[in-house]
Amino acid sequence: MATGTVKWFNDAKGFGFIEPEGGGVDVFAHFSAIQMDGFKTLKQGGKVSYELIQGPKGQLAHNIVPVDVAVVVVASLEEHL
C-alpha cells in the first residue's frame, strides 16, 4: 500500500488528487475508491493509504483509506480482543 497526503478533493465533483509520500506525480482519487461508510470524501491535508492502479489516463488511487479512519478501526478492534 502506498501512502500520501490529500492535495485537494472537490465534494461536488467527487474527485481530487493525492500527493504521494516521497514525491512523484500526483495520483487521481475518485470518491468511488474511498473505503468508508456514509458520504465519501477526503480532507485536504489528510493522510491516506491506497493502492495504485493504472487507468486509461495515468495512475489512479484504489482502495483509499483515510489513515485516521484506519487507526480508529484498529483501536476499536483491539478493545474487543
N, C-alpha and C. Protein backbone atom coordinates (compact mmCIF):
# COMPACT_ATOMS: atom_id res chain seq x y z
N MET A 1 0.85 -1.19 0.00
CA MET A 1 0.00 0.00 0.00
C MET A 1 0.89 1.24 0.00
N ALA A 2 0.50 2.19 -0.79
CA ALA A 2 1.18 3.48 -0.84
C ALA A 2 0.51 4.42 0.16
N THR A 3 1.21 5.47 0.54
CA THR A 3 0.64 6.49 1.41
C THR A 3 0.88 7.86 0.80
N GLY A 4 0.06 8.81 1.22
CA GLY A 4 0.21 10.16 0.71
C GLY A 4 -0.67 11.13 1.45
N THR A 5 -0.68 12.37 0.96
CA THR A 5 -1.45 13.45 1.55
C THR A 5 -2.43 13.97 0.51
N VAL A 6 -3.67 14.20 0.94
CA VAL A 6 -4.68 14.72 0.03
C VAL A 6 -4.31 16.15 -0.35
N LYS A 7 -4.06 16.37 -1.63
CA LYS A 7 -3.71 17.70 -2.12
C LYS A 7 -4.97 18.56 -2.17
N TRP A 8 -6.02 18.02 -2.76
CA TRP A 8 -7.34 18.66 -2.75
C TRP A 8 -8.38 17.62 -3.15
N PHE A 9 -9.62 17.85 -2.72
CA PHE A 9 -10.73 16.97 -3.07
C PHE A 9 -11.98 17.82 -3.17
N ASN A 10 -12.68 17.73 -4.31
CA ASN A 10 -13.89 18.51 -4.55
C ASN A 10 -15.10 17.61 -4.33
N ASP A 11 -15.85 17.86 -3.25
CA ASP A 11 -17.02 17.04 -2.94
C ASP A 11 -18.07 17.09 -4.04
N ALA A 12 -18.28 18.27 -4.63
CA ALA A 12 -19.31 18.43 -5.66
C ALA A 12 -18.99 17.62 -6.92
N LYS A 13 -17.71 17.55 -7.26
CA LYS A 13 -17.30 16.81 -8.46
C LYS A 13 -16.95 15.37 -8.15
N GLY A 14 -16.65 15.07 -6.89
CA GLY A 14 -16.37 13.69 -6.49
C GLY A 14 -14.98 13.19 -6.80
N PHE A 15 -14.03 14.10 -6.95
CA PHE A 15 -12.66 13.67 -7.19
C PHE A 15 -11.66 14.70 -6.70
N GLY A 16 -10.40 14.28 -6.67
CA GLY A 16 -9.31 15.15 -6.27
C GLY A 16 -7.99 14.46 -6.55
N PHE A 17 -6.94 14.91 -5.87
CA PHE A 17 -5.62 14.35 -6.10
C PHE A 17 -4.89 14.13 -4.78
N ILE A 18 -4.06 13.09 -4.78
CA ILE A 18 -3.23 12.72 -3.64
C ILE A 18 -1.78 12.95 -4.02
N GLU A 19 -1.04 13.60 -3.13
CA GLU A 19 0.40 13.79 -3.31
C GLU A 19 1.10 12.61 -2.66
N PRO A 20 1.79 11.76 -3.44
CA PRO A 20 2.43 10.58 -2.87
C PRO A 20 3.53 10.94 -1.86
N GLU A 21 3.62 10.15 -0.80
CA GLU A 21 4.70 10.33 0.16
C GLU A 21 6.00 9.99 -0.56
N GLY A 22 6.98 10.82 -0.42
CA GLY A 22 8.25 10.59 -1.11
C GLY A 22 8.32 11.25 -2.48
N GLY A 23 7.25 11.96 -2.86
CA GLY A 23 7.26 12.70 -4.12
C GLY A 23 6.73 11.91 -5.30
N GLY A 24 6.79 12.53 -6.44
CA GLY A 24 6.29 11.90 -7.65
C GLY A 24 5.06 12.62 -8.17
N VAL A 25 4.48 12.06 -9.23
CA VAL A 25 3.30 12.63 -9.87
C VAL A 25 2.08 12.44 -8.98
N ASP A 26 1.25 13.49 -8.87
CA ASP A 26 0.02 13.39 -8.09
C ASP A 26 -0.87 12.29 -8.65
N VAL A 27 -1.62 11.64 -7.75
CA VAL A 27 -2.45 10.49 -8.11
C VAL A 27 -3.92 10.89 -8.05
N PHE A 28 -4.67 10.56 -9.10
CA PHE A 28 -6.10 10.86 -9.19
C PHE A 28 -6.87 10.03 -8.16
N ALA A 29 -7.80 10.67 -7.45
CA ALA A 29 -8.62 9.99 -6.45
C ALA A 29 -10.10 10.25 -6.74
N HIS A 30 -10.87 9.18 -6.97
CA HIS A 30 -12.30 9.28 -7.23
C HIS A 30 -13.05 8.82 -5.98
N PHE A 31 -14.20 9.45 -5.71
CA PHE A 31 -14.95 9.12 -4.49
C PHE A 31 -15.31 7.64 -4.41
N SER A 32 -15.51 6.99 -5.55
CA SER A 32 -15.91 5.57 -5.54
C SER A 32 -14.80 4.65 -5.04
N ALA A 33 -13.55 5.15 -4.97
CA ALA A 33 -12.43 4.34 -4.49
C ALA A 33 -12.18 4.52 -3.00
N ILE A 34 -12.94 5.40 -2.34
CA ILE A 34 -12.76 5.67 -0.91
C ILE A 34 -13.48 4.60 -0.10
N GLN A 35 -12.77 3.99 0.83
CA GLN A 35 -13.32 2.92 1.66
C GLN A 35 -13.78 3.49 3.00
N MET A 36 -15.06 3.88 3.06
CA MET A 36 -15.66 4.35 4.31
C MET A 36 -17.16 4.31 4.15
N ASP A 37 -17.87 4.28 5.26
CA ASP A 37 -19.32 4.30 5.24
C ASP A 37 -19.80 5.74 5.12
N GLY A 38 -21.02 5.90 4.64
CA GLY A 38 -21.61 7.23 4.55
C GLY A 38 -21.05 8.02 3.38
N PHE A 39 -21.06 9.34 3.53
CA PHE A 39 -20.60 10.25 2.49
C PHE A 39 -19.10 10.10 2.30
N LYS A 40 -18.67 9.78 1.11
CA LYS A 40 -17.26 9.51 0.83
C LYS A 40 -16.57 10.79 0.39
N THR A 41 -15.66 11.26 1.24
CA THR A 41 -14.91 12.47 0.96
C THR A 41 -13.52 12.35 1.56
N LEU A 42 -12.63 13.23 1.15
CA LEU A 42 -11.28 13.30 1.70
C LEU A 42 -11.01 14.73 2.11
N LYS A 43 -10.32 14.90 3.24
CA LYS A 43 -10.00 16.24 3.73
C LYS A 43 -8.63 16.67 3.20
N GLN A 44 -8.57 17.89 2.70
CA GLN A 44 -7.31 18.44 2.23
C GLN A 44 -6.28 18.38 3.35
N GLY A 45 -5.10 17.87 3.05
CA GLY A 45 -4.04 17.74 4.04
C GLY A 45 -4.11 16.46 4.84
N GLY A 46 -5.17 15.67 4.66
CA GLY A 46 -5.32 14.41 5.38
C GLY A 46 -4.41 13.33 4.82
N LYS A 47 -3.96 12.45 5.69
CA LYS A 47 -3.12 11.32 5.28
C LYS A 47 -4.00 10.16 4.86
N VAL A 48 -3.59 9.48 3.78
CA VAL A 48 -4.34 8.33 3.28
C VAL A 48 -3.39 7.21 2.88
N SER A 49 -3.91 5.99 2.89
CA SER A 49 -3.20 4.86 2.28
C SER A 49 -4.05 4.42 1.10
N TYR A 50 -3.42 3.85 0.09
CA TYR A 50 -4.12 3.48 -1.13
C TYR A 50 -3.29 2.51 -1.95
N GLU A 51 -3.95 1.85 -2.90
CA GLU A 51 -3.28 1.01 -3.87
C GLU A 51 -3.23 1.78 -5.18
N LEU A 52 -2.14 1.64 -5.90
CA LEU A 52 -2.00 2.29 -7.21
C LEU A 52 -2.43 1.32 -8.30
N ILE A 53 -3.28 1.79 -9.21
CA ILE A 53 -3.64 1.01 -10.39
C ILE A 53 -3.46 1.90 -11.61
N GLN A 54 -3.27 1.28 -12.75
CA GLN A 54 -3.10 2.03 -13.99
C GLN A 54 -4.46 2.24 -14.65
N GLY A 55 -4.81 3.49 -14.88
CA GLY A 55 -6.05 3.83 -15.56
C GLY A 55 -5.77 4.26 -16.98
N PRO A 56 -6.81 4.60 -17.73
CA PRO A 56 -6.62 5.00 -19.13
C PRO A 56 -5.82 6.29 -19.30
N LYS A 57 -5.82 7.15 -18.26
CA LYS A 57 -5.11 8.43 -18.37
C LYS A 57 -3.95 8.56 -17.38
N GLY A 58 -3.57 7.46 -16.76
CA GLY A 58 -2.49 7.51 -15.79
C GLY A 58 -2.82 6.71 -14.54
N GLN A 59 -2.05 6.93 -13.49
CA GLN A 59 -2.24 6.18 -12.26
C GLN A 59 -3.45 6.69 -11.47
N LEU A 60 -4.17 5.73 -10.88
CA LEU A 60 -5.34 6.02 -10.06
C LEU A 60 -5.14 5.44 -8.67
N ALA A 61 -5.70 6.11 -7.68
CA ALA A 61 -5.71 5.55 -6.33
C ALA A 61 -6.92 4.63 -6.21
N HIS A 62 -6.72 3.45 -5.63
CA HIS A 62 -7.77 2.45 -5.46
C HIS A 62 -7.75 2.02 -4.00
N ASN A 63 -8.89 1.66 -3.45
CA ASN A 63 -8.98 1.26 -2.03
C ASN A 63 -8.37 2.32 -1.12
N ILE A 64 -8.83 3.55 -1.25
CA ILE A 64 -8.32 4.67 -0.46
C ILE A 64 -8.88 4.59 0.95
N VAL A 65 -7.99 4.64 1.94
CA VAL A 65 -8.40 4.61 3.35
C VAL A 65 -7.76 5.79 4.07
N PRO A 66 -8.57 6.73 4.56
CA PRO A 66 -8.00 7.80 5.39
C PRO A 66 -7.30 7.17 6.59
N VAL A 67 -6.07 7.59 6.88
CA VAL A 67 -5.29 6.99 7.95
C VAL A 67 -5.99 7.14 9.29
N ASP A 68 -6.65 8.26 9.54
CA ASP A 68 -7.37 8.46 10.80
C ASP A 68 -8.45 7.39 10.98
N VAL A 69 -9.15 7.04 9.90
CA VAL A 69 -10.18 6.01 9.96
C VAL A 69 -9.56 4.66 10.25
N ALA A 70 -8.43 4.35 9.63
CA ALA A 70 -7.76 3.07 9.84
C ALA A 70 -7.34 2.92 11.29
N VAL A 71 -6.83 3.98 11.89
CA VAL A 71 -6.40 3.95 13.29
C VAL A 71 -7.60 3.70 14.20
N VAL A 72 -8.71 4.35 13.95
CA VAL A 72 -9.91 4.18 14.76
C VAL A 72 -10.42 2.74 14.67
N VAL A 73 -10.44 2.17 13.47
CA VAL A 73 -10.91 0.80 13.29
C VAL A 73 -10.03 -0.18 14.03
N VAL A 74 -8.71 -0.05 13.92
CA VAL A 74 -7.79 -0.94 14.62
C VAL A 74 -7.95 -0.80 16.12
N ALA A 75 -8.04 0.42 16.63
CA ALA A 75 -8.21 0.64 18.07
C ALA A 75 -9.52 0.02 18.54
N SER A 76 -10.56 0.15 17.76
CA SER A 76 -11.86 -0.42 18.12
C SER A 76 -11.78 -1.94 18.17
N LEU A 77 -11.11 -2.54 17.20
CA LEU A 77 -10.96 -3.99 17.18
C LEU A 77 -10.15 -4.48 18.37
N GLU A 78 -9.09 -3.76 18.72
CA GLU A 78 -8.25 -4.16 19.84
C GLU A 78 -9.01 -4.15 21.16
N GLU A 79 -9.97 -3.25 21.30
CA GLU A 79 -10.77 -3.18 22.52
C GLU A 79 -11.60 -4.44 22.72
N HIS A 80 -11.95 -5.10 21.63
CA HIS A 80 -12.83 -6.27 21.70
C HIS A 80 -12.08 -7.58 21.74
N LEU A 81 -10.76 -7.53 21.75
CA LEU A 81 -9.97 -8.77 21.80
C LEU A 81 -9.67 -9.18 23.21
